[in-house]
PDB file of all heavy atoms in Angstrom:
ATOM      1  N   LEU A   1       9.960 -10.670  -6.841  1.00  0.00           N
ATOM      2  CA  LEU A   1       9.481  -9.699  -7.842  1.00  0.00           C
ATOM      3  C   LEU A   1       8.788 -10.446  -8.978  1.00  0.00           C
ATOM      4  O   LEU A   1       9.268 -11.499  -9.398  1.00  0.00           O
ATOM      5  CB  LEU A   1      10.648  -8.870  -8.393  1.00  0.00           C
ATOM      6  CG  LEU A   1      11.236  -7.830  -7.448  1.00  0.00           C
ATOM      7  CD1 LEU A   1      12.567  -7.315  -7.981  1.00  0.00           C
ATOM      8  CD2 LEU A   1      10.260  -6.677  -7.248  1.00  0.00           C
ATOM      9  N   PRO A   2       7.687  -9.907  -9.490  1.00  0.00           N
ATOM     10  CA  PRO A   2       6.961  -8.759  -8.950  1.00  0.00           C
ATOM     11  C   PRO A   2       6.337  -9.090  -7.605  1.00  0.00           C
ATOM     12  O   PRO A   2       6.098 -10.258  -7.301  1.00  0.00           O
ATOM     13  CB  PRO A   2       5.901  -8.492 -10.008  1.00  0.00           C
ATOM     14  CG  PRO A   2       5.677  -9.823 -10.652  1.00  0.00           C
ATOM     15  CD  PRO A   2       7.013 -10.496 -10.661  1.00  0.00           C
ATOM     16  N   ILE A   3       6.088  -8.067  -6.802  1.00  0.00           N
ATOM     17  CA  ILE A   3       5.468  -8.276  -5.499  1.00  0.00           C
ATOM     18  C   ILE A   3       4.090  -8.888  -5.700  1.00  0.00           C
ATOM     19  O   ILE A   3       3.270  -8.375  -6.455  1.00  0.00           O
ATOM     20  CB  ILE A   3       5.358  -6.952  -4.718  1.00  0.00           C
ATOM     21  CG1 ILE A   3       6.761  -6.435  -4.380  1.00  0.00           C
ATOM     22  CG2 ILE A   3       4.529  -7.124  -3.461  1.00  0.00           C
ATOM     23  CD1 ILE A   3       6.762  -5.086  -3.697  1.00  0.00           C
ATOM     24  N   SER A   4       3.877 -10.005  -5.027  1.00  0.00           N
ATOM     25  CA  SER A   4       2.601 -10.715  -5.170  1.00  0.00           C
ATOM     26  C   SER A   4       1.655 -10.298  -4.049  1.00  0.00           C
ATOM     27  O   SER A   4       1.901 -10.572  -2.874  1.00  0.00           O
ATOM     28  CB  SER A   4       2.839 -12.230  -5.115  1.00  0.00           C
ATOM     29  OG  SER A   4       1.644 -12.928  -5.261  1.00  0.00           O
ATOM     30  N   LEU A   5       0.596  -9.605  -4.433  1.00  0.00           N
ATOM     31  CA  LEU A   5      -0.409  -9.172  -3.464  1.00  0.00           C
ATOM     32  C   LEU A   5      -1.648 -10.046  -3.590  1.00  0.00           C
ATOM     33  O   LEU A   5      -2.018 -10.449  -4.689  1.00  0.00           O
ATOM     34  CB  LEU A   5      -0.786  -7.707  -3.704  1.00  0.00           C
ATOM     35  CG  LEU A   5       0.340  -6.689  -3.483  1.00  0.00           C
ATOM     36  CD1 LEU A   5      -0.115  -5.307  -3.932  1.00  0.00           C
ATOM     37  CD2 LEU A   5       0.769  -6.665  -2.023  1.00  0.00           C
ATOM     38  N   PRO A   6      -2.299 -10.347  -2.477  1.00  0.00           N
ATOM     39  CA  PRO A   6      -3.520 -11.161  -2.526  1.00  0.00           C
ATOM     40  C   PRO A   6      -4.580 -10.501  -3.386  1.00  0.00           C
ATOM     41  O   PRO A   6      -4.717  -9.277  -3.401  1.00  0.00           O
ATOM     42  CB  PRO A   6      -3.958 -11.231  -1.055  1.00  0.00           C
ATOM     43  CG  PRO A   6      -2.732 -10.915  -0.262  1.00  0.00           C
ATOM     44  CD  PRO A   6      -1.927  -9.981  -1.105  1.00  0.00           C
ATOM     45  N   GLN A   7      -5.312 -11.322  -4.124  1.00  0.00           N
ATOM     46  CA  GLN A   7      -6.383 -10.797  -4.958  1.00  0.00           C
ATOM     47  C   GLN A   7      -7.601 -10.455  -4.088  1.00  0.00           C
ATOM     48  O   GLN A   7      -7.873 -11.102  -3.082  1.00  0.00           O
ATOM     49  CB  GLN A   7      -6.794 -11.836  -6.015  1.00  0.00           C
ATOM     50  CG  GLN A   7      -5.652 -12.199  -6.959  1.00  0.00           C
ATOM     51  CD  GLN A   7      -5.199 -11.016  -7.788  1.00  0.00           C
ATOM     52  OE1 GLN A   7      -6.013 -10.242  -8.290  1.00  0.00           O
ATOM     53  NE2 GLN A   7      -3.882 -10.873  -7.926  1.00  0.00           N
ATOM     54  N   ASN A   8      -8.316  -9.418  -4.504  1.00  0.00           N
ATOM     55  CA  ASN A   8      -9.549  -9.007  -3.819  1.00  0.00           C
ATOM     56  C   ASN A   8      -9.325  -8.743  -2.331  1.00  0.00           C
ATOM     57  O   ASN A   8     -10.054  -9.236  -1.464  1.00  0.00           O
ATOM     58  CB  ASN A   8     -10.635 -10.076  -3.976  1.00  0.00           C
ATOM     59  CG  ASN A   8     -10.941 -10.342  -5.448  1.00  0.00           C
ATOM     60  OD1 ASN A   8     -11.000  -9.425  -6.261  1.00  0.00           O
ATOM     61  ND2 ASN A   8     -11.116 -11.613  -5.773  1.00  0.00           N
ATOM     62  N   VAL A   9      -8.236  -8.002  -2.041  1.00  0.00           N
ATOM     63  CA  VAL A   9      -7.957  -7.662  -0.654  1.00  0.00           C
ATOM     64  C   VAL A   9      -8.976  -6.650  -0.167  1.00  0.00           C
ATOM     65  O   VAL A   9      -9.224  -5.638  -0.815  1.00  0.00           O
ATOM     66  CB  VAL A   9      -6.533  -7.066  -0.507  1.00  0.00           C
ATOM     67  CG1 VAL A   9      -6.265  -6.692   0.943  1.00  0.00           C
ATOM     68  CG2 VAL A   9      -5.500  -8.054  -1.004  1.00  0.00           C
ATOM     69  N   GLU A  10      -9.583  -6.940   0.978  1.00  0.00           N
ATOM     70  CA  GLU A  10     -10.534  -5.994   1.547  1.00  0.00           C
ATOM     71  C   GLU A  10      -9.795  -4.941   2.351  1.00  0.00           C
ATOM     72  O   GLU A  10      -8.813  -5.230   3.028  1.00  0.00           O
ATOM     73  CB  GLU A  10     -11.518  -6.733   2.451  1.00  0.00           C
ATOM     74  CG  GLU A  10     -12.419  -7.705   1.699  1.00  0.00           C
ATOM     75  CD  GLU A  10     -13.430  -8.349   2.624  1.00  0.00           C
ATOM     76  OE1 GLU A  10     -13.426  -7.996   3.820  1.00  0.00           O
ATOM     77  OE2 GLU A  10     -14.199  -9.193   2.144  1.00  0.00           O
ATOM     78  N   ALA A  11     -10.255  -3.745   2.257  1.00  0.00           N
ATOM     79  CA  ALA A  11      -9.620  -2.662   2.992  1.00  0.00           C
ATOM     80  C   ALA A  11      -9.707  -2.904   4.487  1.00  0.00           C
ATOM     81  O   ALA A  11     -10.701  -3.403   5.001  1.00  0.00           O
ATOM     82  CB  ALA A  11     -10.281  -1.329   2.634  1.00  0.00           C
ATOM     83  N   SER A  12      -8.614  -2.554   5.166  1.00  0.00           N
ATOM     84  CA  SER A  12      -8.579  -2.727   6.611  1.00  0.00           C
ATOM     85  C   SER A  12      -9.503  -1.725   7.290  1.00  0.00           C
ATOM     86  O   SER A  12      -9.823  -0.672   6.745  1.00  0.00           O
ATOM     87  CB  SER A  12      -7.137  -2.541   7.108  1.00  0.00           C
ATOM     88  OG  SER A  12      -7.101  -2.453   8.501  1.00  0.00           O
ATOM     89  N   ASN A  13      -9.916  -2.092   8.508  1.00  0.00           N
ATOM     90  CA  ASN A  13     -10.732  -1.172   9.285  1.00  0.00           C
ATOM     91  C   ASN A  13      -9.925   0.029   9.773  1.00  0.00           C
ATOM     92  O   ASN A  13     -10.478   1.013  10.238  1.00  0.00           O
ATOM     93  CB  ASN A  13     -11.339  -1.904  10.495  1.00  0.00           C
ATOM     94  CG  ASN A  13     -12.370  -2.932  10.069  1.00  0.00           C
ATOM     95  OD1 ASN A  13     -13.061  -2.735   9.068  1.00  0.00           O
ATOM     96  ND2 ASN A  13     -12.466  -4.024  10.822  1.00  0.00           N
ATOM     97  N   THR A  14      -8.577  -0.119   9.682  1.00  0.00           N
ATOM     98  CA  THR A  14      -7.718   0.987  10.090  1.00  0.00           C
ATOM     99  C   THR A  14      -7.930   2.177   9.160  1.00  0.00           C
ATOM    100  O   THR A  14      -7.955   2.023   7.945  1.00  0.00           O
ATOM    101  CB  THR A  14      -6.237   0.559  10.049  1.00  0.00           C
ATOM    102  OG1 THR A  14      -6.071  -0.612  10.841  1.00  0.00           O
ATOM    103  CG2 THR A  14      -5.349   1.667  10.575  1.00  0.00           C
ATOM    104  N   ASP A  15      -8.079   3.342   9.755  1.00  0.00           N
ATOM    105  CA  ASP A  15      -8.319   4.554   8.976  1.00  0.00           C
ATOM    106  C   ASP A  15      -6.979   5.188   8.640  1.00  0.00           C
ATOM    107  O   ASP A  15      -6.346   5.829   9.488  1.00  0.00           O
ATOM    108  CB  ASP A  15      -9.197   5.523   9.769  1.00  0.00           C
ATOM    109  CG  ASP A  15      -9.574   6.749   8.939  1.00  0.00           C
ATOM    110  OD1 ASP A  15      -9.409   6.678   7.707  1.00  0.00           O
ATOM    111  OD2 ASP A  15     -10.006   7.747   9.529  1.00  0.00           O
ATOM    112  N   TYR A  16      -6.492   4.975   7.393  1.00  0.00           N
ATOM    113  CA  TYR A  16      -5.204   5.522   6.973  1.00  0.00           C
ATOM    114  C   TYR A  16      -5.372   6.935   6.424  1.00  0.00           C
ATOM    115  O   TYR A  16      -6.298   7.210   5.643  1.00  0.00           O
ATOM    116  CB  TYR A  16      -4.568   4.646   5.884  1.00  0.00           C
ATOM    117  CG  TYR A  16      -3.981   3.349   6.405  1.00  0.00           C
ATOM    118  CD1 TYR A  16      -4.673   2.148   6.267  1.00  0.00           C
ATOM    119  CD2 TYR A  16      -2.733   3.316   7.017  1.00  0.00           C
ATOM    120  CE1 TYR A  16      -4.147   0.955   6.751  1.00  0.00           C
ATOM    121  CE2 TYR A  16      -2.196   2.130   7.492  1.00  0.00           C
ATOM    122  CZ  TYR A  16      -2.905   0.963   7.352  1.00  0.00           C
ATOM    123  OH  TYR A  16      -2.373  -0.209   7.826  1.00  0.00           O
ATOM    124  N   LEU A  17      -4.475   7.797   6.833  1.00  0.00           N
ATOM    125  CA  LEU A  17      -4.379   9.139   6.256  1.00  0.00           C
ATOM    126  C   LEU A  17      -3.103   9.173   5.440  1.00  0.00           C
ATOM    127  O   LEU A  17      -2.007   9.002   5.971  1.00  0.00           O
ATOM    128  CB  LEU A  17      -4.343  10.206   7.365  1.00  0.00           C
ATOM    129  CG  LEU A  17      -5.588  10.308   8.244  1.00  0.00           C
ATOM    130  CD1 LEU A  17      -5.371  11.342   9.346  1.00  0.00           C
ATOM    131  CD2 LEU A  17      -6.813  10.681   7.407  1.00  0.00           C
ATOM    132  N   PHE A  18      -3.214   9.343   4.122  1.00  0.00           N
ATOM    133  CA  PHE A  18      -2.059   9.297   3.242  1.00  0.00           C
ATOM    134  C   PHE A  18      -1.443  10.690   3.100  1.00  0.00           C
ATOM    135  O   PHE A  18      -2.124  11.647   2.719  1.00  0.00           O
ATOM    136  CB  PHE A  18      -2.461   8.789   1.848  1.00  0.00           C
ATOM    137  CG  PHE A  18      -3.034   7.402   1.887  1.00  0.00           C
ATOM    138  CD1 PHE A  18      -4.264   7.128   1.298  1.00  0.00           C
ATOM    139  CD2 PHE A  18      -2.361   6.385   2.515  1.00  0.00           C
ATOM    140  CE1 PHE A  18      -4.795   5.843   1.335  1.00  0.00           C
ATOM    141  CE2 PHE A  18      -2.883   5.100   2.552  1.00  0.00           C
ATOM    142  CZ  PHE A  18      -4.103   4.826   1.966  1.00  0.00           C
ATOM    143  N   GLU A  19      -0.145  10.770   3.405  1.00  0.00           N
ATOM    144  CA  GLU A  19       0.551  12.039   3.242  1.00  0.00           C
ATOM    145  C   GLU A  19       1.953  11.740   2.720  1.00  0.00           C
ATOM    146  O   GLU A  19       2.739  11.064   3.398  1.00  0.00           O
ATOM    147  CB  GLU A  19       0.632  12.779   4.582  1.00  0.00           C
ATOM    148  CG  GLU A  19       1.384  14.097   4.525  1.00  0.00           C
ATOM    149  CD  GLU A  19       0.718  15.116   3.619  1.00  0.00           C
ATOM    150  OE1 GLU A  19      -0.529  15.163   3.579  1.00  0.00           O
ATOM    151  OE2 GLU A  19       1.457  15.834   2.933  1.00  0.00           O
ATOM    152  N   PRO A  20       2.335  12.125   1.505  1.00  0.00           N
ATOM    153  CA  PRO A  20       1.557  12.995   0.621  1.00  0.00           C
ATOM    154  C   PRO A  20       0.438  12.255  -0.127  1.00  0.00           C
ATOM    155  O   PRO A  20      -0.636  12.791  -0.323  1.00  0.00           O
ATOM    156  CB  PRO A  20       2.599  13.529  -0.345  1.00  0.00           C
ATOM    157  CG  PRO A  20       3.656  12.476  -0.363  1.00  0.00           C
ATOM    158  CD  PRO A  20       3.686  11.868   1.005  1.00  0.00           C
ATOM    159  N   ASN A  21       0.702  10.984  -0.606  1.00  0.00           N
ATOM    160  CA  ASN A  21      -0.355  10.213  -1.258  1.00  0.00           C
ATOM    161  C   ASN A  21       0.045   8.742  -1.257  1.00  0.00           C
ATOM    162  O   ASN A  21       1.189   8.389  -0.952  1.00  0.00           O
ATOM    163  CB  ASN A  21      -0.622  10.712  -2.690  1.00  0.00           C
ATOM    164  CG  ASN A  21       0.646  10.694  -3.542  1.00  0.00           C
ATOM    165  OD1 ASN A  21       1.234   9.638  -3.760  1.00  0.00           O
ATOM    166  ND2 ASN A  21       1.063  11.870  -4.006  1.00  0.00           N
ATOM    167  N   ALA A  22      -0.916   7.877  -1.613  1.00  0.00           N
ATOM    168  CA  ALA A  22      -0.682   6.430  -1.545  1.00  0.00           C
ATOM    169  C   ALA A  22       0.447   5.993  -2.467  1.00  0.00           C
ATOM    170  O   ALA A  22       1.252   5.125  -2.108  1.00  0.00           O
ATOM    171  CB  ALA A  22      -1.962   5.692  -1.893  1.00  0.00           C
ATOM    172  N   LYS A  23       0.540   6.582  -3.661  1.00  0.00           N
ATOM    173  CA  LYS A  23       1.571   6.175  -4.625  1.00  0.00           C
ATOM    174  C   LYS A  23       2.963   6.411  -4.055  1.00  0.00           C
ATOM    175  O   LYS A  23       3.838   5.543  -4.136  1.00  0.00           O
ATOM    176  CB  LYS A  23       1.401   6.922  -5.943  1.00  0.00           C
ATOM    177  CG  LYS A  23       2.432   6.524  -6.991  1.00  0.00           C
ATOM    178  CD  LYS A  23       2.275   7.314  -8.269  1.00  0.00           C
ATOM    179  CE  LYS A  23       3.272   6.854  -9.335  1.00  0.00           C
ATOM    180  NZ  LYS A  23       4.662   6.884  -8.868  1.00  0.00           N
ATOM    181  N   GLU A  24       3.195   7.597  -3.498  1.00  0.00           N
ATOM    182  CA  GLU A  24       4.527   7.906  -2.979  1.00  0.00           C
ATOM    183  C   GLU A  24       4.851   7.055  -1.751  1.00  0.00           C
ATOM    184  O   GLU A  24       6.011   6.691  -1.524  1.00  0.00           O
ATOM    185  CB  GLU A  24       4.625   9.397  -2.647  1.00  0.00           C
ATOM    186  CG  GLU A  24       4.588  10.289  -3.886  1.00  0.00           C
ATOM    187  CD  GLU A  24       4.939  11.743  -3.567  1.00  0.00           C
ATOM    188  OE1 GLU A  24       5.748  11.955  -2.647  1.00  0.00           O
ATOM    189  OE2 GLU A  24       4.400  12.636  -4.233  1.00  0.00           O
ATOM    190  N   ILE A  25       3.837   6.736  -0.974  1.00  0.00           N
ATOM    191  CA  ILE A  25       4.056   5.854   0.174  1.00  0.00           C
ATOM    192  C   ILE A  25       4.477   4.460  -0.294  1.00  0.00           C
ATOM    193  O   ILE A  25       5.424   3.858   0.224  1.00  0.00           O
ATOM    194  CB  ILE A  25       2.783   5.773   1.040  1.00  0.00           C
ATOM    195  CG1 ILE A  25       2.535   7.122   1.713  1.00  0.00           C
ATOM    196  CG2 ILE A  25       2.895   4.664   2.087  1.00  0.00           C
ATOM    197  CD1 ILE A  25       1.223   7.214   2.439  1.00  0.00           C
ATOM    198  N   LEU A  26       3.781   3.934  -1.310  1.00  0.00           N
ATOM    199  CA  LEU A  26       4.139   2.618  -1.850  1.00  0.00           C
ATOM    200  C   LEU A  26       5.508   2.638  -2.506  1.00  0.00           C
ATOM    201  O   LEU A  26       6.236   1.643  -2.467  1.00  0.00           O
ATOM    202  CB  LEU A  26       3.075   2.154  -2.849  1.00  0.00           C
ATOM    203  CG  LEU A  26       1.719   1.780  -2.250  1.00  0.00           C
ATOM    204  CD1 LEU A  26       0.711   1.483  -3.355  1.00  0.00           C
ATOM    205  CD2 LEU A  26       1.847   0.580  -1.323  1.00  0.00           C
ATOM    206  N   ASP A  27       5.882   3.758  -3.111  1.00  0.00           N
ATOM    207  CA  ASP A  27       7.204   3.886  -3.726  1.00  0.00           C
ATOM    208  C   ASP A  27       8.319   3.727  -2.691  1.00  0.00           C
ATOM    209  O   ASP A  27       9.427   3.297  -3.016  1.00  0.00           O
ATOM    210  CB  ASP A  27       7.344   5.249  -4.419  1.00  0.00           C
ATOM    211  CG  ASP A  27       6.602   5.297  -5.750  1.00  0.00           C
ATOM    212  OD1 ASP A  27       6.280   4.206  -6.268  1.00  0.00           O
ATOM    213  OD2 ASP A  27       6.334   6.403  -6.251  1.00  0.00           O
ATOM    214  N   VAL A  28       8.022   4.083  -1.439  1.00  0.00           N
ATOM    215  CA  VAL A  28       9.006   3.931  -0.355  1.00  0.00           C
ATOM    216  C   VAL A  28       8.912   2.555   0.292  1.00  0.00           C
ATOM    217  O   VAL A  28       9.929   1.905   0.558  1.00  0.00           O
ATOM    218  CB  VAL A  28       8.796   5.031   0.713  1.00  0.00           C
ATOM    219  CG1 VAL A  28       9.706   4.778   1.922  1.00  0.00           C
ATOM    220  CG2 VAL A  28       9.074   6.406   0.124  1.00  0.00           C
ATOM    221  N   LEU A  29       7.679   2.108   0.530  1.00  0.00           N
ATOM    222  CA  LEU A  29       7.479   0.856   1.265  1.00  0.00           C
ATOM    223  C   LEU A  29       7.857  -0.381   0.460  1.00  0.00           C
ATOM    224  O   LEU A  29       8.420  -1.339   1.008  1.00  0.00           O
ATOM    225  CB  LEU A  29       6.024   0.735   1.719  1.00  0.00           C
ATOM    226  CG  LEU A  29       5.554   1.696   2.810  1.00  0.00           C
ATOM    227  CD1 LEU A  29       4.108   1.399   3.183  1.00  0.00           C
ATOM    228  CD2 LEU A  29       6.439   1.590   4.046  1.00  0.00           C
ATOM    229  N   MET A  30       7.559  -0.384  -0.840  1.00  0.00           N
ATOM    230  CA  MET A  30       7.802  -1.590  -1.634  1.00  0.00           C
ATOM    231  C   MET A  30       9.279  -1.954  -1.749  1.00  0.00           C
ATOM    232  O   MET A  30       9.652  -3.115  -1.539  1.00  0.00           O
ATOM    233  CB  MET A  30       7.145  -1.457  -3.006  1.00  0.00           C
ATOM    234  CG  MET A  30       5.631  -1.612  -2.944  1.00  0.00           C
ATOM    235  SD  MET A  30       4.839  -1.600  -4.561  1.00  0.00           S
ATOM    236  CE  MET A  30       3.139  -1.985  -4.104  1.00  0.00           C
ATOM    237  N   PRO A  31      10.167  -1.010  -2.092  1.00  0.00           N
ATOM    238  CA  PRO A  31      11.594  -1.369  -2.099  1.00  0.00           C
ATOM    239  C   PRO A  31      12.083  -1.844  -0.741  1.00  0.00           C
ATOM    240  O   PRO A  31      12.879  -2.790  -0.650  1.00  0.00           O
ATOM    241  CB  PRO A  31      12.279  -0.057  -2.512  1.00  0.00           C
ATOM    242  CG  PRO A  31      11.238   0.693  -3.262  1.00  0.00           C
ATOM    243  CD  PRO A  31       9.946   0.355  -2.589  1.00  0.00           C
ATOM    244  N   LYS A  32      11.602  -1.216   0.330  1.00  0.00           N
ATOM    245  CA  LYS A  32      12.002  -1.637   1.677  1.00  0.00           C
ATOM    246  C   LYS A  32      11.508  -3.048   1.961  1.00  0.00           C
ATOM    247  O   LYS A  32      12.215  -3.854   2.570  1.00  0.00           O
ATOM    248  CB  LYS A  32      11.451  -0.650   2.703  1.00  0.00           C
ATOM    249  CG  LYS A  32      11.960  -0.895   4.120  1.00  0.00           C
ATOM    250  CD  LYS A  32      11.401   0.126   5.085  1.00  0.00           C
ATOM    251  CE  LYS A  32      11.950   1.506   4.808  1.00  0.00           C
ATOM    252  NZ  LYS A  32      13.396   1.590   5.151  1.00  0.00           N
TER     253      LYS A  32
END
């Protein structure tokens, strides 16, 4: 902590559909 993410990360070619939204998804994924 804090979670260290690479700078200037390019978006993946994978087409993500966020449901309900990216923030709530990160709220679940980051603690895990």
